[in-house]
Amino acid sequence: MWFLRRMLQIPWTAKKKNEKVLNEANKRRSLVRTIQKRQATFLGHVMRREKLEHLVTTGKLEGKRRQREKITDGLATCS
C-alpha cells in the first residue's frame, strides 16, 4: 500500500484505510493474493525438503545440550 499512498501523495499521517486508497487508485487487491500464493508455494517447496528449514517448520529440531539430571537421580547414587 505504501507505493499507492506515495503515488497519490497521501501523507503517512493521514488515517485512511487501505480500501479507500485502493478505491482512489481504481485498483483491486490482487497484489496481496499474489504474495499469499507465492508464500504458500514456497512453504510447500520447503516442506518437501529434508533440510534445516523443514526441521524448523515442523518443530523436529532437537537441542544439542544434554538433558538435565533430576534431583532423585543424584539421591539414588549417593545411598
Protein backbone atom coordinates (compact mmCIF):
# COMPACT_ATOMS: atom_id res chain seq x y z
CA MET A 1 0.00 0.00 0.00
CA TRP A 2 2.89 2.38 0.62
CA PHE A 3 3.59 2.72 -3.10
CA LEU A 4 -0.03 3.70 -3.84
CA ARG A 5 -0.02 6.19 -0.99
CA ARG A 6 3.18 7.67 -2.34
CA MET A 7 1.85 7.88 -5.91
CA LEU A 8 -1.35 9.53 -4.72
CA GLN A 9 0.66 11.84 -2.42
CA ILE A 10 -1.19 10.75 0.70
CA PRO A 11 0.91 11.50 3.80
CA TRP A 12 1.67 8.67 6.17
CA THR A 13 -0.01 10.59 8.98
CA ALA A 14 -3.36 10.57 7.15
CA LYS A 15 -5.66 7.98 8.68
CA LYS A 16 -7.08 6.43 5.53
CA LYS A 17 -7.96 2.79 5.27
CA ASN A 18 -6.30 0.68 2.63
CA GLU A 19 -9.62 0.09 0.90
CA LYS A 20 -10.11 3.82 0.37
CA VAL A 21 -6.62 4.15 -1.04
CA LEU A 22 -7.34 1.29 -3.44
CA ASN A 23 -10.62 2.92 -4.50
CA GLU A 24 -8.84 6.20 -5.21
CA ALA A 25 -6.30 4.39 -7.37
CA ASN A 26 -9.01 2.29 -9.10
CA LYS A 27 -7.17 -0.89 -8.17
CA ARG A 28 -8.18 -4.20 -6.69
CA ARG A 29 -6.38 -6.15 -4.02
CA SER A 30 -4.70 -8.59 -6.40
CA LEU A 31 -1.15 -7.98 -5.23
CA VAL A 32 -1.89 -9.36 -1.77
CA ARG A 33 -3.37 -12.52 -3.28
CA THR A 34 -0.30 -12.95 -5.46
CA ILE A 35 2.01 -12.63 -2.47
CA GLN A 36 -0.04 -15.11 -0.44
CA LYS A 37 0.01 -17.59 -3.30
CA ARG A 38 3.77 -17.29 -3.65
CA GLN A 39 4.26 -17.75 0.09
CA ALA A 40 2.12 -20.90 0.02
CA THR A 41 4.08 -22.39 -2.87
CA PHE A 42 7.37 -21.55 -1.15
CA LEU A 43 6.19 -23.24 2.04
CA GLY A 44 5.29 -26.33 0.02
CA HIS A 45 8.74 -26.25 -1.53
CA VAL A 46 10.37 -26.04 1.90
CA MET A 47 8.22 -28.82 3.35
CA ARG A 48 9.30 -31.26 0.62
CA ARG A 49 12.95 -30.94 1.52
CA GLU A 50 14.69 -32.76 4.36
CA LYS A 51 16.87 -29.87 5.43
CA LEU A 52 17.08 -27.36 8.25
CA GLU A 53 14.09 -25.34 7.04
CA HIS A 54 11.92 -28.45 7.09
CA LEU A 55 13.06 -29.41 10.57
CA VAL A 56 12.46 -25.91 11.91
CA THR A 57 8.97 -25.56 10.40
CA THR A 58 7.86 -28.96 11.65
CA GLY A 59 9.41 -28.49 15.09
CA LYS A 60 11.57 -31.61 14.93
CA LEU A 61 14.82 -29.79 15.57
CA GLU A 62 16.34 -31.07 18.80
CA GLY A 63 18.75 -29.21 21.00
CA LYS A 64 22.43 -30.09 21.27
CA ARG A 65 22.74 -29.89 25.04
CA ARG A 66 22.41 -32.87 27.31
CA GLN A 67 19.26 -33.42 29.33
CA ARG A 68 19.12 -32.02 32.81
CA GLU A 69 19.61 -34.53 35.61
CA LYS A 70 16.81 -34.92 38.10
CA ILE A 71 17.37 -34.48 41.83
CA THR A 72 16.14 -38.00 42.50
CA ASP A 73 18.83 -39.46 40.22
CA GLY A 74 21.54 -37.91 42.38
CA LEU A 75 19.96 -39.28 45.57
CA ALA A 76 19.89 -42.81 44.22
CA THR A 77 23.63 -42.81 43.54
CA CYS A 78 24.53 -41.39 46.99
CA SER A 79 22.88 -44.09 49.08
